[in-house]
Amino acid sequence: MALDERDFFDNKNETRTDKLTCPRCKRVNEYQMRWVVRTRKEPVPAGADERDRALFAKLRDYMIRVDDAVTCKTCGKKFDIPSQHSMVFIQQGAEQAGLHAQRKT
């Protein structure tokens, strides 16, 4: 029986800041955006067949942005976040390095 993609990942909601430029007033501000962080489960889930094991070996951790628009802090106009920022792959070790940097400051 083939497993669903949800069986391979753990989901965690997270809020991160990013600098965006308002298309109307052209000012750069930092905005809070909600993300769903999907991390791969360590052991292969029970009930996985050969196809699922091959798929599991290729999976990577990634984040999906939940918010599609933000309101400019300067002019108050609502604008869309560029779509190329809607999904981001997480590199192995990058999360741990970020945590260490946050602890030092």
PDB file of N, CA and C in Angstrom:
ATOM      1  N   MET A   1       0.839  -1.183   0.000  1.00  0.00           N
ATOM      2  CA  MET A   1       0.000   0.000   0.000  1.00  0.00           C
ATOM      3  C   MET A   1       0.885   1.248   0.000  1.00  0.00           C
ATOM      4  N   ALA A   2       0.648   2.155  -0.906  1.00  0.00           N
ATOM      5  CA  ALA A   2       1.437   3.386  -1.007  1.00  0.00           C
ATOM      6  C   ALA A   2       1.065   4.336   0.127  1.00  0.00           C
ATOM      7  N   LEU A   3       2.087   4.981   0.690  1.00  0.00           N
ATOM      8  CA  LEU A   3       1.870   5.929   1.775  1.00  0.00           C
ATOM      9  C   LEU A   3       1.651   7.326   1.212  1.00  0.00           C
ATOM     10  N   ASP A   4       0.974   8.158   1.959  1.00  0.00           N
ATOM     11  CA  ASP A   4       0.738   9.548   1.594  1.00  0.00           C
ATOM     12  C   ASP A   4       1.956  10.381   2.002  1.00  0.00           C
ATOM     13  N   GLU A   5       2.149  11.524   1.362  1.00  0.00           N
ATOM     14  CA  GLU A   5       3.291  12.385   1.671  1.00  0.00           C
ATOM     15  C   GLU A   5       3.281  12.822   3.137  1.00  0.00           C
ATOM     16  N   ARG A   6       2.107  12.987   3.718  1.00  0.00           N
ATOM     17  CA  ARG A   6       2.011  13.401   5.127  1.00  0.00           C
ATOM     18  C   ARG A   6       2.623  12.385   6.073  1.00  0.00           C
ATOM     19  N   ASP A   7       2.698  11.121   5.652  1.00  0.00           N
ATOM     20  CA  ASP A   7       3.289  10.088   6.493  1.00  0.00           C
ATOM     21  C   ASP A   7       4.802  10.217   6.599  1.00  0.00           C
ATOM     22  N   PHE A   8       5.430  10.953   5.673  1.00  0.00           N
ATOM     23  CA  PHE A   8       6.880  11.084   5.649  1.00  0.00           C
ATOM     24  C   PHE A   8       7.395  12.313   6.394  1.00  0.00           C
ATOM     25  N   PHE A   9       6.522  13.280   6.704  1.00  0.00           N
ATOM     26  CA  PHE A   9       6.957  14.555   7.267  1.00  0.00           C
ATOM     27  C   PHE A   9       6.267  14.874   8.593  1.00  0.00           C
ATOM     28  N   ASP A  10       6.981  15.639   9.432  1.00  0.00           N
ATOM     29  CA  ASP A  10       6.411  16.263  10.623  1.00  0.00           C
ATOM     30  C   ASP A  10       6.187  17.733  10.285  1.00  0.00           C
ATOM     31  N   ASN A  11       5.033  18.279  10.635  1.00  0.00           N
ATOM     32  CA  ASN A  11       4.715  19.680  10.370  1.00  0.00           C
ATOM     33  C   ASN A  11       4.851  20.498  11.637  1.00  0.00           C
ATOM     34  N   LYS A  12       5.408  21.721  11.474  1.00  0.00           N
ATOM     35  CA  LYS A  12       5.530  22.639  12.601  1.00  0.00           C
ATOM     36  C   LYS A  12       5.273  24.046  12.075  1.00  0.00           C
ATOM     37  N   ASN A  13       4.404  24.799  12.738  1.00  0.00           N
ATOM     38  CA  ASN A  13       4.138  26.179  12.355  1.00  0.00           C
ATOM     39  C   ASN A  13       5.205  27.081  12.946  1.00  0.00           C
ATOM     40  N   GLU A  14       5.624  28.072  12.166  1.00  0.00           N
ATOM     41  CA  GLU A  14       6.710  28.945  12.590  1.00  0.00           C
ATOM     42  C   GLU A  14       6.479  30.337  12.009  1.00  0.00           C
ATOM     43  N   THR A  15       6.938  31.355  12.720  1.00  0.00           N
ATOM     44  CA  THR A  15       6.870  32.728  12.231  1.00  0.00           C
ATOM     45  C   THR A  15       8.288  33.237  12.023  1.00  0.00           C
ATOM     46  N   ARG A  16       8.535  33.800  10.848  1.00  0.00           N
ATOM     47  CA  ARG A  16       9.861  34.339  10.529  1.00  0.00           C
ATOM     48  C   ARG A  16       9.698  35.740   9.960  1.00  0.00           C
ATOM     49  N   THR A  17      10.756  36.524  10.067  1.00  0.00           N
ATOM     50  CA  THR A  17      10.743  37.870   9.504  1.00  0.00           C
ATOM     51  C   THR A  17      11.525  37.886   8.198  1.00  0.00           C
ATOM     52  N   ASP A  18      11.102  38.773   7.309  1.00  0.00           N
ATOM     53  CA  ASP A  18      11.783  38.942   6.033  1.00  0.00           C
ATOM     54  C   ASP A  18      11.635  40.396   5.613  1.00  0.00           C
ATOM     55  N   LYS A  19      12.622  40.896   4.872  1.00  0.00           N
ATOM     56  CA  LYS A  19      12.563  42.263   4.363  1.00  0.00           C
ATOM     57  C   LYS A  19      11.914  42.244   2.992  1.00  0.00           C
ATOM     58  N   LEU A  20      10.859  43.060   2.846  1.00  0.00           N
ATOM     59  CA  LEU A  20      10.143  43.175   1.581  1.00  0.00           C
ATOM     60  C   LEU A  20      10.020  44.638   1.195  1.00  0.00           C
ATOM     61  N   THR A  21       9.946  44.902  -0.100  1.00  0.00           N
ATOM     62  CA  THR A  21       9.797  46.256  -0.614  1.00  0.00           C
ATOM     63  C   THR A  21       8.358  46.467  -1.066  1.00  0.00           C
ATOM     64  N   CYS A  22       7.738  47.507  -0.582  1.00  0.00           N
ATOM     65  CA  CYS A  22       6.373  47.838  -0.975  1.00  0.00           C
ATOM     66  C   CYS A  22       6.393  48.345  -2.424  1.00  0.00           C
ATOM     67  N   PRO A  23       5.549  47.793  -3.292  1.00  0.00           N
ATOM     68  CA  PRO A  23       5.540  48.250  -4.689  1.00  0.00           C
ATOM     69  C   PRO A  23       4.978  49.666  -4.866  1.00  0.00           C
ATOM     70  N   ARG A  24       4.239  50.149  -3.874  1.00  0.00           N
ATOM     71  CA  ARG A  24       3.649  51.485  -4.005  1.00  0.00           C
ATOM     72  C   ARG A  24       4.600  52.580  -3.525  1.00  0.00           C
ATOM     73  N   CYS A  25       5.092  52.467  -2.287  1.00  0.00           N
ATOM     74  CA  CYS A  25       5.933  53.541  -1.738  1.00  0.00           C
ATOM     75  C   CYS A  25       7.427  53.238  -1.845  1.00  0.00           C
ATOM     76  N   LYS A  26       7.774  52.030  -2.286  1.00  0.00           N
ATOM     77  CA  LYS A  26       9.170  51.603  -2.519  1.00  0.00           C
ATOM     78  C   LYS A  26      10.028  51.582  -1.256  1.00  0.00           C
ATOM     79  N   ARG A  27       9.412  51.501  -0.091  1.00  0.00           N
ATOM     80  CA  ARG A  27      10.165  51.427   1.170  1.00  0.00           C
ATOM     81  C   ARG A  27      10.361  49.977   1.572  1.00  0.00           C
ATOM     82  N   VAL A  28      11.507  49.692   2.178  1.00  0.00           N
ATOM     83  CA  VAL A  28      11.826  48.344   2.640  1.00  0.00           C
ATOM     84  C   VAL A  28      11.547  48.265   4.137  1.00  0.00           C
ATOM     85  N   ASN A  29      10.774  47.256   4.533  1.00  0.00           N
ATOM     86  CA  ASN A  29      10.470  47.018   5.945  1.00  0.00           C
ATOM     87  C   ASN A  29      10.554  45.533   6.231  1.00  0.00           C
ATOM     88  N   GLU A  30      10.648  45.201   7.513  1.00  0.00           N
ATOM     89  CA  GLU A  30      10.631  43.796   7.923  1.00  0.00           C
ATOM     90  C   GLU A  30       9.198  43.403   8.259  1.00  0.00           C
ATOM     91  N   TYR A  31       8.801  42.204   7.785  1.00  0.00           N
ATOM     92  CA  TYR A  31       7.446  41.727   7.996  1.00  0.00           C
ATOM     93  C   TYR A  31       7.483  40.329   8.597  1.00  0.00           C
ATOM     94  N   GLN A  32       6.519  40.052   9.466  1.00  0.00           N
ATOM     95  CA  GLN A  32       6.349  38.726  10.051  1.00  0.00           C
ATOM     96  C   GLN A  32       5.524  37.885   9.087  1.00  0.00           C
ATOM     97  N   MET A  33       6.028  36.691   8.773  1.00  0.00           N
ATOM     98  CA  MET A  33       5.291  35.787   7.888  1.00  0.00           C
ATOM     99  C   MET A  33       5.200  34.420   8.529  1.00  0.00           C
ATOM    100  N   ARG A  34       4.045  33.776   8.357  1.00  0.00           N
ATOM    101  CA  ARG A  34       3.838  32.436   8.897  1.00  0.00           C
ATOM    102  C   ARG A  34       4.279  31.394   7.874  1.00  0.00           C
ATOM    103  N   TRP A  35       4.964  30.368   8.360  1.00  0.00           N
ATOM    104  CA  TRP A  35       5.461  29.278   7.530  1.00  0.00           C
ATOM    105  C   TRP A  35       5.082  27.944   8.156  1.00  0.00           C
ATOM    106  N   VAL A  36       4.917  26.918   7.340  1.00  0.00           N
ATOM    107  CA  VAL A  36       4.782  25.539   7.803  1.00  0.00           C
ATOM    108  C   VAL A  36       6.109  24.871   7.468  1.00  0.00           C
ATOM    109  N   VAL A  37       6.824  24.420   8.490  1.00  0.00           N
ATOM    110  CA  VAL A  37       8.109  23.755   8.298  1.00  0.00           C
ATOM    111  C   VAL A  37       7.853  22.259   8.270  1.00  0.00           C
ATOM    112  N   ARG A  38       8.225  21.621   7.176  1.00  0.00           N
ATOM    113  CA  ARG A  38       8.004  20.181   7.007  1.00  0.00           C
ATOM    114  C   ARG A  38       9.362  19.494   7.064  1.00  0.00           C
ATOM    115  N   THR A  39       9.597  18.760   8.161  1.00  0.00           N
ATOM    116  CA  THR A  39      10.855  18.032   8.322  1.00  0.00           C
ATOM    117  C   THR A  39      10.605  16.549   8.155  1.00  0.00           C
ATOM    118  N   ARG A  40      11.528  15.914   7.492  1.00  0.00           N
ATOM    119  CA  ARG A  40      11.401  14.490   7.189  1.00  0.00           C
ATOM    120  C   ARG A  40      11.541  13.677   8.468  1.00  0.00           C
ATOM    121  N   LYS A  41      10.671  12.696   8.634  1.00  0.00           N
ATOM    122  CA  LYS A  41      10.764  11.801   9.785  1.00  0.00           C
ATOM    123  C   LYS A  41      11.994  10.927   9.608  1.00  0.00           C
ATOM    124  N   GLU A  42      12.697  10.633  10.683  1.00  0.00           N
ATOM    125  CA  GLU A  42      13.944   9.881  10.586  1.00  0.00           C
ATOM    126  C   GLU A  42      13.764   8.432  10.135  1.00  0.00           C
ATOM    127  N   PRO A  43      13.049   7.595  10.829  1.00  0.00           N
ATOM    128  CA  PRO A  43      12.932   6.235  10.292  1.00  0.00           C
ATOM    129  C   PRO A  43      11.886   6.196   9.173  1.00  0.00           C
ATOM    130  N   VAL A  44      12.060   5.271   8.261  1.00  0.00           N
ATOM    131  CA  VAL A  44      11.046   5.080   7.222  1.00  0.00           C
ATOM    132  C   VAL A  44       9.756   4.642   7.915  1.00  0.00           C
ATOM    133  N   PRO A  45       8.614   5.268   7.602  1.00  0.00           N
ATOM    134  CA  PRO A  45       7.365   4.905   8.268  1.00  0.00           C
ATOM    135  C   PRO A  45       6.997   3.440   8.065  1.00  0.00           C
ATOM    136  N   ALA A  46       6.320   2.891   9.043  1.00  0.00           N
ATOM    137  CA  ALA A  46       5.875   1.497   8.957  1.00  0.00           C
ATOM    138  C   ALA A  46       4.876   1.346   7.818  1.00  0.00           C
ATOM    139  N   GLY A  47       4.925   0.225   7.153  1.00  0.00           N
ATOM    140  CA  GLY A  47       4.013  -0.044   6.057  1.00  0.00           C
ATOM    141  C   GLY A  47       4.506   0.461   4.714  1.00  0.00           C
ATOM    142  N   ALA A  48       5.765   0.924   4.648  1.00  0.00           N
ATOM    143  CA  ALA A  48       6.310   1.446   3.394  1.00  0.00           C
ATOM    144  C   ALA A  48       6.767   0.297   2.502  1.00  0.00           C
ATOM    145  N   ASP A  49       6.437   0.390   1.214  1.00  0.00           N
ATOM    146  CA  ASP A  49       6.908  -0.619   0.262  1.00  0.00           C
ATOM    147  C   ASP A  49       8.189  -0.106  -0.415  1.00  0.00           C
ATOM    148  N   GLU A  50       8.685  -0.813  -1.428  1.00  0.00           N
ATOM    149  CA  GLU A  50       9.940  -0.430  -2.087  1.00  0.00           C
ATOM    150  C   GLU A  50       9.836   0.937  -2.755  1.00  0.00           C
ATOM    151  N   ARG A  51       8.698   1.224  -3.361  1.00  0.00           N
ATOM    152  CA  ARG A  51       8.513   2.534  -3.997  1.00  0.00           C
ATOM    153  C   ARG A  51       8.569   3.654  -2.955  1.00  0.00           C
ATOM    154  N   ASP A  52       7.926   3.443  -1.810  1.00  0.00           N
ATOM    155  CA  ASP A  52       7.941   4.440  -0.736  1.00  0.00           C
ATOM    156  C   ASP A  52       9.346   4.634  -0.186  1.00  0.00           C
ATOM    157  N   ARG A  53      10.119   3.566  -0.040  1.00  0.00           N
ATOM    158  CA  ARG A  53      11.493   3.671   0.464  1.00  0.00           C
ATOM    159  C   ARG A  53      12.373   4.465  -0.498  1.00  0.00           C
ATOM    160  N   ALA A  54      12.194   4.250  -1.804  1.00  0.00           N
ATOM    161  CA  ALA A  54      12.954   5.004  -2.796  1.00  0.00           C
ATOM    162  C   ALA A  54      12.579   6.489  -2.751  1.00  0.00           C
ATOM    163  N   LEU A  55      11.293   6.780  -2.603  1.00  0.00           N
ATOM    164  CA  LEU A  55      10.831   8.159  -2.495  1.00  0.00           C
ATOM    165  C   LEU A  55      11.366   8.804  -1.222  1.00  0.00           C
ATOM    166  N   PHE A  56      11.326   8.071  -0.126  1.00  0.00           N
ATOM    167  CA  PHE A  56      11.782   8.590   1.163  1.00  0.00           C
ATOM    168  C   PHE A  56      13.258   8.985   1.110  1.00  0.00           C
ATOM    169  N   ALA A  57      14.069   8.227   0.393  1.00  0.00           N
ATOM    170  CA  ALA A  57      15.500   8.516   0.289  1.00  0.00           C
ATOM    171  C   ALA A  57      15.766   9.843  -0.418  1.00  0.00           C
ATOM    172  N   LYS A  58      14.853  10.279  -1.285  1.00  0.00           N
ATOM    173  CA  LYS A  58      15.041  11.504  -2.061  1.00  0.00           C
ATOM    174  C   LYS A  58      14.422  12.743  -1.415  1.00  0.00           C
ATOM    175  N   LEU A  59      13.624  12.568  -0.382  1.00  0.00           N
ATOM    176  CA  LEU A  59      12.912  13.690   0.228  1.00  0.00           C
ATOM    177  C   LEU A  59      13.856  14.640   0.944  1.00  0.00           C
ATOM    178  N   ARG A  60      13.488  15.943   0.925  1.00  0.00           N
ATOM    179  CA  ARG A  60      14.250  16.978   1.621  1.00  0.00           C
ATOM    180  C   ARG A  60      13.306  17.788   2.501  1.00  0.00           C
ATOM    181  N   ASP A  61      13.857  18.390   3.560  1.00  0.00           N
ATOM    182  CA  ASP A  61      13.078  19.278   4.416  1.00  0.00           C
ATOM    183  C   ASP A  61      12.767  20.559   3.638  1.00  0.00           C
ATOM    184  N   TYR A  62      11.568  21.129   3.884  1.00  0.00           N
ATOM    185  CA  TYR A  62      11.216  22.370   3.207  1.00  0.00           C
ATOM    186  C   TYR A  62      10.207  23.156   4.024  1.00  0.00           C
ATOM    187  N   MET A  63      10.007  24.415   3.625  1.00  0.00           N
ATOM    188  CA  MET A  63       9.045  25.304   4.275  1.00  0.00           C
ATOM    189  C   MET A  63       8.071  25.819   3.226  1.00  0.00           C
ATOM    190  N   ILE A  64       6.799  25.948   3.620  1.00  0.00           N
ATOM    191  CA  ILE A  64       5.768  26.515   2.757  1.00  0.00           C
ATOM    192  C   ILE A  64       5.215  27.759   3.453  1.00  0.00           C
ATOM    193  N   ARG A  65       5.174  28.874   2.726  1.00  0.00           N
ATOM    194  CA  ARG A  65       4.656  30.118   3.295  1.00  0.00           C
ATOM    195  C   ARG A  65       3.135  30.066   3.339  1.00  0.00           C
ATOM    196  N   VAL A  66       2.559  30.451   4.469  1.00  0.00           N
ATOM    197  CA  VAL A  66       1.111  30.449   4.655  1.00  0.00           C
ATOM    198  C   VAL A  66       0.520  31.784   4.211  1.00  0.00           C
ATOM    199  N   ASP A  67       1.181  32.884   4.546  1.00  0.00           N
ATOM    200  CA  ASP A  67       0.679  34.219   4.210  1.00  0.00           C
ATOM    201  C   ASP A  67       0.968  34.550   2.748  1.00  0.00           C
ATOM    202  N   ASP A  68      -0.034  35.115   2.054  1.00  0.00           N
ATOM    203  CA  ASP A  68       0.139  35.507   0.659  1.00  0.00           C
ATOM    204  C   ASP A  68       0.324  37.013   0.486  1.00  0.00           C
ATOM    205  N   ALA A  69      -0.088  37.790   1.477  1.00  0.00           N
ATOM    206  CA  ALA A  69      -0.012  39.243   1.376  1.00  0.00           C
ATOM    207  C   ALA A  69       0.311  39.842   2.735  1.00  0.00           C
ATOM    208  N   VAL A  70       0.914  41.033   2.716  1.00  0.00           N
ATOM    209  CA  VAL A  70       1.208  41.784   3.934  1.00  0.00           C
ATOM    210  C   VAL A  70       0.768  43.227   3.721  1.00  0.00           C
ATOM    211  N   THR A  71       0.619  43.971   4.809  1.00  0.00           N
ATOM    212  CA  THR A  71       0.248  45.376   4.736  1.00  0.00           C
ATOM    213  C   THR A  71       1.483  46.225   5.005  1.00  0.00           C
ATOM    214  N   CYS A  72       1.740  47.173   4.119  1.00  0.00           N
ATOM    215  CA  CYS A  72       2.917  48.038   4.244  1.00  0.00           C
ATOM    216  C   CYS A  72       2.864  48.809   5.556  1.00  0.00           C
ATOM    217  N   LYS A  73       3.980  48.835   6.255  1.00  0.00           N
ATOM    218  CA  LYS A  73       4.049  49.531   7.539  1.00  0.00           C
ATOM    219  C   LYS A  73       4.140  51.041   7.347  1.00  0.00           C
ATOM    220  N   THR A  74       4.495  51.496   6.144  1.00  0.00           N
ATOM    221  CA  THR A  74       4.645  52.923   5.876  1.00  0.00           C
ATOM    222  C   THR A  74       3.370  53.540   5.300  1.00  0.00           C
ATOM    223  N   CYS A  75       2.882  52.979   4.178  1.00  0.00           N
ATOM    224  CA  CYS A  75       1.720  53.588   3.501  1.00  0.00           C
ATOM    225  C   CYS A  75       0.401  52.891   3.809  1.00  0.00           C
ATOM    226  N   GLY A  76       0.432  51.695   4.380  1.00  0.00           N
ATOM    227  CA  GLY A  76      -0.786  50.992   4.759  1.00  0.00           C
ATOM    228  C   GLY A  76      -1.442  50.201   3.634  1.00  0.00           C
ATOM    229  N   LYS A  77      -0.821  50.164   2.445  1.00  0.00           N
ATOM    230  CA  LYS A  77      -1.402  49.422   1.317  1.00  0.00           C
ATOM    231  C   LYS A  77      -1.038  47.948   1.428  1.00  0.00           C
ATOM    232  N   LYS A  78      -2.009  47.090   1.159  1.00  0.00           N
ATOM    233  CA  LYS A  78      -1.783  45.652   1.184  1.00  0.00           C
ATOM    234  C   LYS A  78      -1.158  45.236  -0.143  1.00  0.00           C
ATOM    235  N   PHE A  79      -0.089  44.405  -0.091  1.00  0.00           N
ATOM    236  CA  PHE A  79       0.533  43.930  -1.323  1.00  0.00           C
ATOM    237  C   PHE A  79       0.893  42.457  -1.199  1.00  0.00           C
ATOM    238  N   ASP A  80       0.943  41.800  -2.360  1.00  0.00           N
ATOM    239  CA  ASP A  80       1.251  40.370  -2.417  1.00  0.00           C
ATOM    240  C   ASP A  80       2.738  40.131  -2.248  1.00  0.00           C
ATOM    241  N   ILE A  81       3.061  39.027  -1.591  1.00  0.00           N
ATOM    242  CA  ILE A  81       4.448  38.600  -1.452  1.00  0.00           C
ATOM    243  C   ILE A  81       4.815  37.869  -2.737  1.00  0.00           C
ATOM    244  N   PRO A  82       6.006  38.113  -3.301  1.00  0.00           N
ATOM    245  CA  PRO A  82       6.388  37.436  -4.550  1.00  0.00           C
ATOM    246  C   PRO A  82       6.285  35.917  -4.431  1.00  0.00           C
ATOM    247  N   SER A  83       5.764  35.286  -5.480  1.00  0.00           N
ATOM    248  CA  SER A  83       5.490  33.847  -5.435  1.00  0.00           C
ATOM    249  C   SER A  83       6.750  32.989  -5.402  1.00  0.00           C
ATOM    250  N   GLN A  84       7.914  33.516  -5.835  1.00  0.00           N
ATOM    251  CA  GLN A  84       9.129  32.704  -5.793  1.00  0.00           C
ATOM    252  C   GLN A  84       9.583  32.453  -4.358  1.00  0.00           C
ATOM    253  N   HIS A  85       8.961  33.108  -3.398  1.00  0.00           N
ATOM    254  CA  HIS A  85       9.289  32.917  -1.993  1.00  0.00           C
ATOM    255  C   HIS A  85       8.295  32.010  -1.287  1.00  0.00           C
ATOM    256  N   SER A  86       7.427  31.318  -2.009  1.00  0.00           N
ATOM    257  CA  SER A  86       6.359  30.564  -1.359  1.00  0.00           C
ATOM    258  C   SER A  86       6.811  29.207  -0.818  1.00  0.00           C
ATOM    259  N   MET A  87       7.867  28.635  -1.394  1.00  0.00           N
ATOM    260  CA  MET A  87       8.402  27.367  -0.895  1.00  0.00           C
ATOM    261  C   MET A  87       9.921  27.449  -0.899  1.00  0.00           C
ATOM    262  N   VAL A  88      10.534  27.015   0.218  1.00  0.00           N
ATOM    263  CA  VAL A  88      11.983  27.089   0.360  1.00  0.00           C
ATOM    264  C   VAL A  88      12.483  25.751   0.889  1.00  0.00           C
ATOM    265  N   PHE A  89      13.488  25.189   0.216  1.00  0.00           N
ATOM    266  CA  PHE A  89      14.120  23.971   0.727  1.00  0.00           C
ATOM    267  C   PHE A  89      15.094  24.349   1.837  1.00  0.00           C
ATOM    268  N   ILE A  90      15.165  23.522   2.864  1.00  0.00           N
ATOM    269  CA  ILE A  90      16.059  23.752   3.995  1.00  0.00           C
ATOM    270  C   ILE A  90      17.287  22.882   3.809  1.00  0.00           C
ATOM    271  N   GLN A  91      18.460  23.505   3.858  1.00  0.00           N
ATOM    272  CA  GLN A  91      19.698  22.748   3.720  1.00  0.00           C
ATOM    273  C   GLN A  91      20.028  22.077   5.035  1.00  0.00           C
ATOM    274  N   GLN A  92      20.619  20.892   4.957  1.00  0.00           N
ATOM    275  CA  GLN A  92      21.017  20.158   6.155  1.00  0.00           C
ATOM    276  C   GLN A  92      22.068  20.970   6.911  1.00  0.00           C
ATOM    277  N   GLY A  93      21.884  21.149   8.203  1.00  0.00           N
ATOM    278  CA  GLY A  93      22.833  21.875   9.033  1.00  0.00           C
ATOM    279  C   GLY A  93      22.576  23.367   9.099  1.00  0.00           C
ATOM    280  N   ALA A  94      21.823  23.929   8.161  1.00  0.00           N
ATOM    281  CA  ALA A  94      21.558  25.365   8.157  1.00  0.00           C
ATOM    282  C   ALA A  94      20.700  25.762   9.348  1.00  0.00           C
ATOM    283  N   GLU A  95      19.726  24.921   9.699  1.00  0.00           N
ATOM    284  CA  GLU A  95      18.868  25.216  10.842  1.00  0.00           C
ATOM    285  C   GLU A  95      19.660  25.223  12.143  1.00  0.00           C
ATOM    286  N   GLN A  96      20.557  24.265  12.291  1.00  0.00           N
ATOM    287  CA  GLN A  96      21.345  24.191  13.509  1.00  0.00           C
ATOM    288  C   GLN A  96      22.281  25.384  13.604  1.00  0.00           C
ATOM    289  N   ALA A  97      22.875  25.803  12.487  1.00  0.00           N
ATOM    290  CA  ALA A  97      23.767  26.958  12.491  1.00  0.00           C
ATOM    291  C   ALA A  97      22.993  28.211  12.876  1.00  0.00           C
ATOM    292  N   GLY A  98      21.758  28.343  12.388  1.00  0.00           N
ATOM    293  CA  GLY A  98      20.924  29.481  12.734  1.00  0.00           C
ATOM    294  C   GLY A  98      20.574  29.503  14.202  1.00  0.00           C
ATOM    295  N   LEU A  99      20.337  28.337  14.787  1.00  0.00           N
ATOM    296  CA  LEU A  99      20.028  28.266  16.212  1.00  0.00           C
ATOM    297  C   LEU A  99      21.224  28.670  17.050  1.00  0.00           C
ATOM    298  N   HIS A 100      22.422  28.248  16.648  1.00  0.00           N
ATOM    299  CA  HIS A 100      23.620  28.630  17.386  1.00  0.00           C
ATOM    300  C   HIS A 100      23.858  30.131  17.306  1.00  0.00           C
ATOM    301  N   ALA A 101      23.597  30.732  16.148  1.00  0.00           N
ATOM    302  CA  ALA A 101      23.785  32.167  15.993  1.00  0.00           C
ATOM    303  C   ALA A 101      22.802  32.931  16.868  1.00  0.00           C
ATOM    304  N   GLN A 102      21.569  32.438  16.985  1.00  0.00           N
ATOM    305  CA  GLN A 102      20.582  33.123  17.813  1.00  0.00           C
ATOM    306  C   GLN A 102      20.937  33.035  19.282  1.00  0.00           C
ATOM    307  N   ARG A 103      21.520  31.945  19.702  1.00  0.00           N
ATOM    308  CA  ARG A 103      21.871  31.784  21.119  1.00  0.00           C
ATOM    309  C   ARG A 103      23.013  32.708  21.513  1.00  0.00           C
ATOM    310  N   LYS A 104      23.938  33.001  20.602  1.00  0.00           N
ATOM    311  CA  LYS A 104      25.102  33.820  20.927  1.00  0.00           C
ATOM    312  C   LYS A 104      24.744  35.289  21.052  1.00  0.00           C
ATOM    313  N   THR A 105      23.714  35.754  20.332  1.00  0.00           N
ATOM    314  CA  THR A 105      23.390  37.176  20.351  1.00  0.00           C
ATOM    315  C   THR A 105      22.443  37.523  21.451  1.00  0.00           C
TER     316      THR A 105
END
